[in-house]
Amino acid sequence: MKQNNFTQQTHFIGVLLPEDLTLTLQDCRRYMNEAYGCKSGHGTPIHVTLVPPFRLQEEYTTEDLVRAIEKEVLPQGLGFSAHIENFDAFGDRTLFGKVIATEKWTKLRDETVKAILNACPGCTKKDQRPFQPHATVANRDIPAGVTTEALQVMNELNLVEDFPVDNNTIFERRGSKWEDAVILKI
């Protein structure tokens, strides 16, 4: 069996997108697969990541993560309306639906990271870069030099939409797939 860093990751935290946006972005994933052979990300529900994949140590459980979010994040009433506007990329490595960054996204991310670290010290760390919420369409296996062309095709969709940020979801790796194990309503 191939061993890589991803086998060590057990959880991540994100926000599931509404069904209409999910369907549009799944169509974009299919396009990237059919046009360029991209397969990465297909085993993950469409989402915006708040806490990137991490390994939850054996002394902690998913229930510990649930309790931390219920106790420290949900009471703050951090739900809001977000905006997605077309597509963008991080170089040639990740193509995504461009979610507009706001202070509300940063606060939700920061409070979620803080709650997870309080409940399960050392399981992850806060990313020091400015938070750029995004909905990944393809990553890791995008052929060199195709990102510009793929972005042109996807931006013809004129994807401009507001959507509710109304959940804080714990994703758990089950086999080779990430599944939304616990969806907590904000």
C-alpha atoms as a PDB file:
ATOM      1  CA  MET A   1       0.000   0.000   0.000  1.00  0.00           C
ATOM      2  CA  LYS A   2       1.262   3.462  -0.883  1.00  0.00           C
ATOM      3  CA  GLN A   3       2.122   5.458   2.211  1.00  0.00           C
ATOM      4  CA  ASN A   4       1.932   9.214   2.133  1.00  0.00           C
ATOM      5  CA  ASN A   5       1.283  12.128   4.424  1.00  0.00           C
ATOM      6  CA  PHE A   6      -2.454  12.047   3.778  1.00  0.00           C
ATOM      7  CA  THR A   7      -2.900   8.650   5.457  1.00  0.00           C
ATOM      8  CA  GLN A   8      -1.959  10.298   8.744  1.00  0.00           C
ATOM      9  CA  GLN A   9      -4.671  12.938   8.533  1.00  0.00           C
ATOM     10  CA  THR A  10      -7.926  11.965  10.222  1.00  0.00           C
ATOM     11  CA  HIS A  11     -10.062  15.137  10.431  1.00  0.00           C
ATOM     12  CA  PHE A  12     -10.623  18.620   9.104  1.00  0.00           C
ATOM     13  CA  ILE A  13     -13.221  21.314   9.784  1.00  0.00           C
ATOM     14  CA  GLY A  14     -15.114  23.226   7.124  1.00  0.00           C
ATOM     15  CA  VAL A  15     -18.336  24.782   5.937  1.00  0.00           C
ATOM     16  CA  LEU A  16     -20.511  22.765   3.560  1.00  0.00           C
ATOM     17  CA  LEU A  17     -21.921  24.793   0.675  1.00  0.00           C
ATOM     18  CA  PRO A  18     -25.619  24.774  -0.273  1.00  0.00           C
ATOM     19  CA  GLU A  19     -26.828  22.219  -2.799  1.00  0.00           C
ATOM     20  CA  ASP A  20     -27.088  24.581  -5.787  1.00  0.00           C
ATOM     21  CA  LEU A  21     -23.479  25.729  -5.410  1.00  0.00           C
ATOM     22  CA  THR A  22     -22.358  22.177  -4.715  1.00  0.00           C
ATOM     23  CA  LEU A  23     -23.906  20.963  -7.973  1.00  0.00           C
ATOM     24  CA  THR A  24     -22.253  23.754  -9.978  1.00  0.00           C
ATOM     25  CA  LEU A  25     -18.845  23.081  -8.454  1.00  0.00           C
ATOM     26  CA  GLN A  26     -19.230  19.315  -8.926  1.00  0.00           C
ATOM     27  CA  ASP A  27     -19.865  20.023 -12.626  1.00  0.00           C
ATOM     28  CA  CYS A  28     -16.598  21.971 -12.651  1.00  0.00           C
ATOM     29  CA  ARG A  29     -14.800  19.033 -11.010  1.00  0.00           C
ATOM     30  CA  ARG A  30     -16.215  16.756 -13.718  1.00  0.00           C
ATOM     31  CA  TYR A  31     -14.997  19.177 -16.408  1.00  0.00           C
ATOM     32  CA  MET A  32     -11.480  19.176 -14.892  1.00  0.00           C
ATOM     33  CA  ASN A  33     -11.555  15.385 -14.811  1.00  0.00           C
ATOM     34  CA  GLU A  34     -12.798  14.969 -18.380  1.00  0.00           C
ATOM     35  CA  ALA A  35     -10.665  17.726 -19.925  1.00  0.00           C
ATOM     36  CA  TYR A  36      -7.443  17.294 -17.929  1.00  0.00           C
ATOM     37  CA  GLY A  37      -7.665  14.014 -15.999  1.00  0.00           C
ATOM     38  CA  CYS A  38      -7.866  15.701 -12.584  1.00  0.00           C
ATOM     39  CA  LYS A  39      -9.081  13.336  -9.874  1.00  0.00           C
ATOM     40  CA  SER A  40      -7.936  15.012  -6.667  1.00  0.00           C
ATOM     41  CA  GLY A  41     -10.650  16.255  -4.375  1.00  0.00           C
ATOM     42  CA  HIS A  42     -13.397  14.102  -5.862  1.00  0.00           C
ATOM     43  CA  GLY A  43     -13.682  12.127  -2.637  1.00  0.00           C
ATOM     44  CA  THR A  44     -14.451  15.247  -0.607  1.00  0.00           C
ATOM     45  CA  PRO A  45     -17.800  17.058  -0.344  1.00  0.00           C
ATOM     46  CA  ILE A  46     -17.774  20.650  -1.668  1.00  0.00           C
ATOM     47  CA  HIS A  47     -16.787  22.919   1.236  1.00  0.00           C
ATOM     48  CA  VAL A  48     -14.737  25.860   2.472  1.00  0.00           C
ATOM     49  CA  THR A  49     -11.952  24.656   4.786  1.00  0.00           C
ATOM     50  CA  LEU A  50     -11.650  26.346   8.181  1.00  0.00           C
ATOM     51  CA  VAL A  51      -9.099  23.975   9.748  1.00  0.00           C
ATOM     52  CA  PRO A  52      -6.983  22.019   7.228  1.00  0.00           C
ATOM     53  CA  PRO A  53      -6.594  18.244   7.589  1.00  0.00           C
ATOM     54  CA  PHE A  54      -4.870  17.147  10.783  1.00  0.00           C
ATOM     55  CA  ARG A  55      -4.253  13.971  12.728  1.00  0.00           C
ATOM     56  CA  LEU A  56      -6.403  13.675  15.840  1.00  0.00           C
ATOM     57  CA  GLN A  57      -4.311  11.958  18.488  1.00  0.00           C
ATOM     58  CA  GLU A  58      -5.611   8.649  19.823  1.00  0.00           C
ATOM     59  CA  GLU A  59      -6.533  10.099  23.218  1.00  0.00           C
ATOM     60  CA  TYR A  60      -9.140  12.349  21.556  1.00  0.00           C
ATOM     61  CA  THR A  61     -12.313  11.563  19.610  1.00  0.00           C
ATOM     62  CA  THR A  62     -14.562  13.241  17.080  1.00  0.00           C
ATOM     63  CA  GLU A  63     -16.955  13.796  19.984  1.00  0.00           C
ATOM     64  CA  ASP A  64     -14.300  15.965  21.679  1.00  0.00           C
ATOM     65  CA  LEU A  65     -14.252  18.156  18.548  1.00  0.00           C
ATOM     66  CA  VAL A  66     -18.066  18.321  18.522  1.00  0.00           C
ATOM     67  CA  ARG A  67     -18.212  19.377  22.190  1.00  0.00           C
ATOM     68  CA  ALA A  68     -15.535  22.049  21.649  1.00  0.00           C
ATOM     69  CA  ILE A  69     -17.369  23.607  18.708  1.00  0.00           C
ATOM     70  CA  GLU A  70     -20.748  23.382  20.481  1.00  0.00           C
ATOM     71  CA  LYS A  71     -19.343  25.023  23.605  1.00  0.00           C
ATOM     72  CA  GLU A  72     -16.984  27.652  22.183  1.00  0.00           C
ATOM     73  CA  VAL A  73     -18.054  28.473  18.616  1.00  0.00           C
ATOM     74  CA  LEU A  74     -21.793  27.939  18.166  1.00  0.00           C
ATOM     75  CA  PRO A  75     -22.908  30.201  21.073  1.00  0.00           C
ATOM     76  CA  GLN A  76     -21.161  33.146  19.377  1.00  0.00           C
ATOM     77  CA  GLY A  77     -23.699  33.189  16.541  1.00  0.00           C
ATOM     78  CA  LEU A  78     -21.078  33.445  13.816  1.00  0.00           C
ATOM     79  CA  GLY A  79     -23.367  32.586  10.887  1.00  0.00           C
ATOM     80  CA  PHE A  80     -23.480  35.081   8.026  1.00  0.00           C
ATOM     81  CA  SER A  81     -24.097  35.516   4.324  1.00  0.00           C
ATOM     82  CA  ALA A  82     -21.029  34.946   2.147  1.00  0.00           C
ATOM     83  CA  HIS A  83     -20.313  35.689  -1.500  1.00  0.00           C
ATOM     84  CA  ILE A  84     -18.695  33.573  -4.204  1.00  0.00           C
ATOM     85  CA  GLU A  85     -17.520  35.307  -7.353  1.00  0.00           C
ATOM     86  CA  ASN A  86     -16.223  33.183 -10.213  1.00  0.00           C
ATOM     87  CA  PHE A  87     -13.008  31.169 -10.066  1.00  0.00           C
ATOM     88  CA  ASP A  88      -9.352  31.710  -9.304  1.00  0.00           C
ATOM     89  CA  ALA A  89      -6.231  29.662  -8.619  1.00  0.00           C
ATOM     90  CA  PHE A  90      -3.271  29.387  -6.305  1.00  0.00           C
ATOM     91  CA  GLY A  91      -0.655  29.141  -9.060  1.00  0.00           C
ATOM     92  CA  ASP A  92      -0.914  25.843 -10.926  1.00  0.00           C
ATOM     93  CA  ARG A  93      -1.631  23.829  -7.783  1.00  0.00           C
ATOM     94  CA  THR A  94      -5.253  24.645  -6.830  1.00  0.00           C
ATOM     95  CA  LEU A  95      -8.246  25.870  -8.850  1.00  0.00           C
ATOM     96  CA  PHE A  96     -11.230  27.055  -6.814  1.00  0.00           C
ATOM     97  CA  GLY A  97     -14.514  28.881  -6.565  1.00  0.00           C
ATOM     98  CA  LYS A  98     -13.454  32.295  -5.276  1.00  0.00           C
ATOM     99  CA  VAL A  99     -15.188  32.995  -1.985  1.00  0.00           C
ATOM    100  CA  ILE A 100     -14.759  36.637  -1.022  1.00  0.00           C
ATOM    101  CA  ALA A 101     -12.704  36.970   2.163  1.00  0.00           C
ATOM    102  CA  THR A 102     -14.238  39.019   4.976  1.00  0.00           C
ATOM    103  CA  GLU A 103     -13.581  39.564   8.666  1.00  0.00           C
ATOM    104  CA  LYS A 104     -16.536  37.244   9.378  1.00  0.00           C
ATOM    105  CA  TRP A 105     -14.722  34.353   7.642  1.00  0.00           C
ATOM    106  CA  THR A 106     -11.523  35.111   9.565  1.00  0.00           C
ATOM    107  CA  LYS A 107     -13.370  35.252  12.911  1.00  0.00           C
ATOM    108  CA  LEU A 108     -15.158  31.949  12.210  1.00  0.00           C
ATOM    109  CA  ARG A 109     -11.851  30.312  11.244  1.00  0.00           C
ATOM    110  CA  ASP A 110      -9.983  31.756  14.248  1.00  0.00           C
ATOM    111  CA  GLU A 111     -12.673  30.781  16.776  1.00  0.00           C
ATOM    112  CA  THR A 112     -12.890  27.262  15.316  1.00  0.00           C
ATOM    113  CA  VAL A 113      -9.108  26.758  15.448  1.00  0.00           C
ATOM    114  CA  LYS A 114      -9.030  28.078  19.028  1.00  0.00           C
ATOM    115  CA  ALA A 115     -11.808  25.695  20.123  1.00  0.00           C
ATOM    116  CA  ILE A 116     -10.083  22.689  18.499  1.00  0.00           C
ATOM    117  CA  LEU A 117      -6.732  23.548  20.095  1.00  0.00           C
ATOM    118  CA  ASN A 118      -8.364  24.036  23.515  1.00  0.00           C
ATOM    119  CA  ALA A 119     -10.022  20.616  23.284  1.00  0.00           C
ATOM    120  CA  CYS A 120      -7.154  18.724  21.619  1.00  0.00           C
ATOM    121  CA  PRO A 121      -3.857  20.563  22.207  1.00  0.00           C
ATOM    122  CA  GLY A 122      -1.197  19.995  19.580  1.00  0.00           C
ATOM    123  CA  CYS A 123      -3.474  18.365  16.973  1.00  0.00           C
ATOM    124  CA  THR A 124      -3.189  21.301  14.559  1.00  0.00           C
ATOM    125  CA  LYS A 125      -1.876  24.846  14.427  1.00  0.00           C
ATOM    126  CA  LYS A 126      -3.223  28.134  13.180  1.00  0.00           C
ATOM    127  CA  ASP A 127      -2.107  29.071   9.685  1.00  0.00           C
ATOM    128  CA  GLN A 128      -0.295  32.403   9.923  1.00  0.00           C
ATOM    129  CA  ARG A 129      -1.162  33.448   6.364  1.00  0.00           C
ATOM    130  CA  PRO A 130      -4.201  35.657   5.734  1.00  0.00           C
ATOM    131  CA  PHE A 131      -7.297  33.473   5.443  1.00  0.00           C
ATOM    132  CA  GLN A 132      -8.531  33.018   1.858  1.00  0.00           C
ATOM    133  CA  PRO A 133     -11.778  31.050   1.930  1.00  0.00           C
ATOM    134  CA  HIS A 134     -12.225  29.022  -1.240  1.00  0.00           C
ATOM    135  CA  ALA A 135     -14.148  26.048  -2.636  1.00  0.00           C
ATOM    136  CA  THR A 136     -11.632  23.707  -4.270  1.00  0.00           C
ATOM    137  CA  VAL A 137     -12.460  22.340  -7.715  1.00  0.00           C
ATOM    138  CA  ALA A 138      -9.089  20.715  -8.504  1.00  0.00           C
ATOM    139  CA  ASN A 139      -5.716  20.485  -6.792  1.00  0.00           C
ATOM    140  CA  ARG A 140      -2.492  18.480  -6.656  1.00  0.00           C
ATOM    141  CA  ASP A 141      -2.961  16.827 -10.076  1.00  0.00           C
ATOM    142  CA  ILE A 142      -3.590  19.785 -12.395  1.00  0.00           C
ATOM    143  CA  PRO A 143      -1.326  19.411 -15.452  1.00  0.00           C
ATOM    144  CA  ALA A 144       1.216  22.206 -15.833  1.00  0.00           C
ATOM    145  CA  GLY A 145       0.099  25.110 -17.975  1.00  0.00           C
ATOM    146  CA  VAL A 146      -3.668  24.429 -18.124  1.00  0.00           C
ATOM    147  CA  THR A 147      -4.872  26.628 -15.256  1.00  0.00           C
ATOM    148  CA  THR A 148      -5.369  29.778 -17.367  1.00  0.00           C
ATOM    149  CA  GLU A 149      -7.422  27.916 -19.965  1.00  0.00           C
ATOM    150  CA  ALA A 150      -9.490  26.105 -17.320  1.00  0.00           C
ATOM    151  CA  LEU A 151     -10.191  29.390 -15.514  1.00  0.00           C
ATOM    152  CA  GLN A 152     -11.381  30.995 -18.763  1.00  0.00           C
ATOM    153  CA  VAL A 153     -13.838  28.155 -19.344  1.00  0.00           C
ATOM    154  CA  MET A 154     -15.162  28.165 -15.764  1.00  0.00           C
ATOM    155  CA  ASN A 155     -15.447  31.932 -15.505  1.00  0.00           C
ATOM    156  CA  GLU A 156     -17.816  31.815 -18.500  1.00  0.00           C
ATOM    157  CA  LEU A 157     -20.334  30.400 -15.988  1.00  0.00           C
ATOM    158  CA  ASN A 158     -20.464  33.849 -14.341  1.00  0.00           C
ATOM    159  CA  LEU A 159     -20.752  32.225 -10.925  1.00  0.00           C
ATOM    160  CA  VAL A 160     -21.762  35.140  -8.688  1.00  0.00           C
ATOM    161  CA  GLU A 161     -23.908  34.194  -5.731  1.00  0.00           C
ATOM    162  CA  ASP A 162     -24.532  34.843  -2.058  1.00  0.00           C
ATOM    163  CA  PHE A 163     -24.848  31.829   0.196  1.00  0.00           C
ATOM    164  CA  PRO A 164     -25.441  31.187   3.892  1.00  0.00           C
ATOM    165  CA  VAL A 165     -22.586  30.183   6.154  1.00  0.00           C
ATOM    166  CA  ASP A 166     -24.809  28.175   8.459  1.00  0.00           C
ATOM    167  CA  ASN A 167     -22.764  25.163   9.496  1.00  0.00           C
ATOM    168  CA  ASN A 168     -19.459  24.149  11.032  1.00  0.00           C
ATOM    169  CA  THR A 169     -18.822  20.625   9.804  1.00  0.00           C
ATOM    170  CA  ILE A 170     -16.362  18.048  11.096  1.00  0.00           C
ATOM    171  CA  PHE A 171     -15.035  15.870   8.288  1.00  0.00           C
ATOM    172  CA  GLU A 172     -13.557  12.493   9.088  1.00  0.00           C
ATOM    173  CA  ARG A 173     -11.444  10.275   6.854  1.00  0.00           C
ATOM    174  CA  ARG A 174     -13.097   6.923   6.239  1.00  0.00           C
ATOM    175  CA  GLY A 175     -10.875   4.798   4.072  1.00  0.00           C
ATOM    176  CA  SER A 176      -9.721   7.009   1.195  1.00  0.00           C
ATOM    177  CA  LYS A 177     -12.665   9.430   1.411  1.00  0.00           C
ATOM    178  CA  TRP A 178     -13.477  12.424   3.535  1.00  0.00           C
ATOM    179  CA  GLU A 179     -17.041  12.329   4.842  1.00  0.00           C
ATOM    180  CA  ASP A 180     -19.042  15.008   6.604  1.00  0.00           C
ATOM    181  CA  ALA A 181     -19.234  13.136   9.896  1.00  0.00           C
ATOM    182  CA  VAL A 182     -20.948  15.789  12.022  1.00  0.00           C
ATOM    183  CA  ILE A 183     -22.756  18.869  10.715  1.00  0.00           C
ATOM    184  CA  LEU A 184     -23.266  21.501  13.404  1.00  0.00           C
ATOM    185  CA  LYS A 185     -25.724  24.285  12.552  1.00  0.00           C
ATOM    186  CA  ILE A 186     -24.501  27.785  13.325  1.00  0.00           C
END
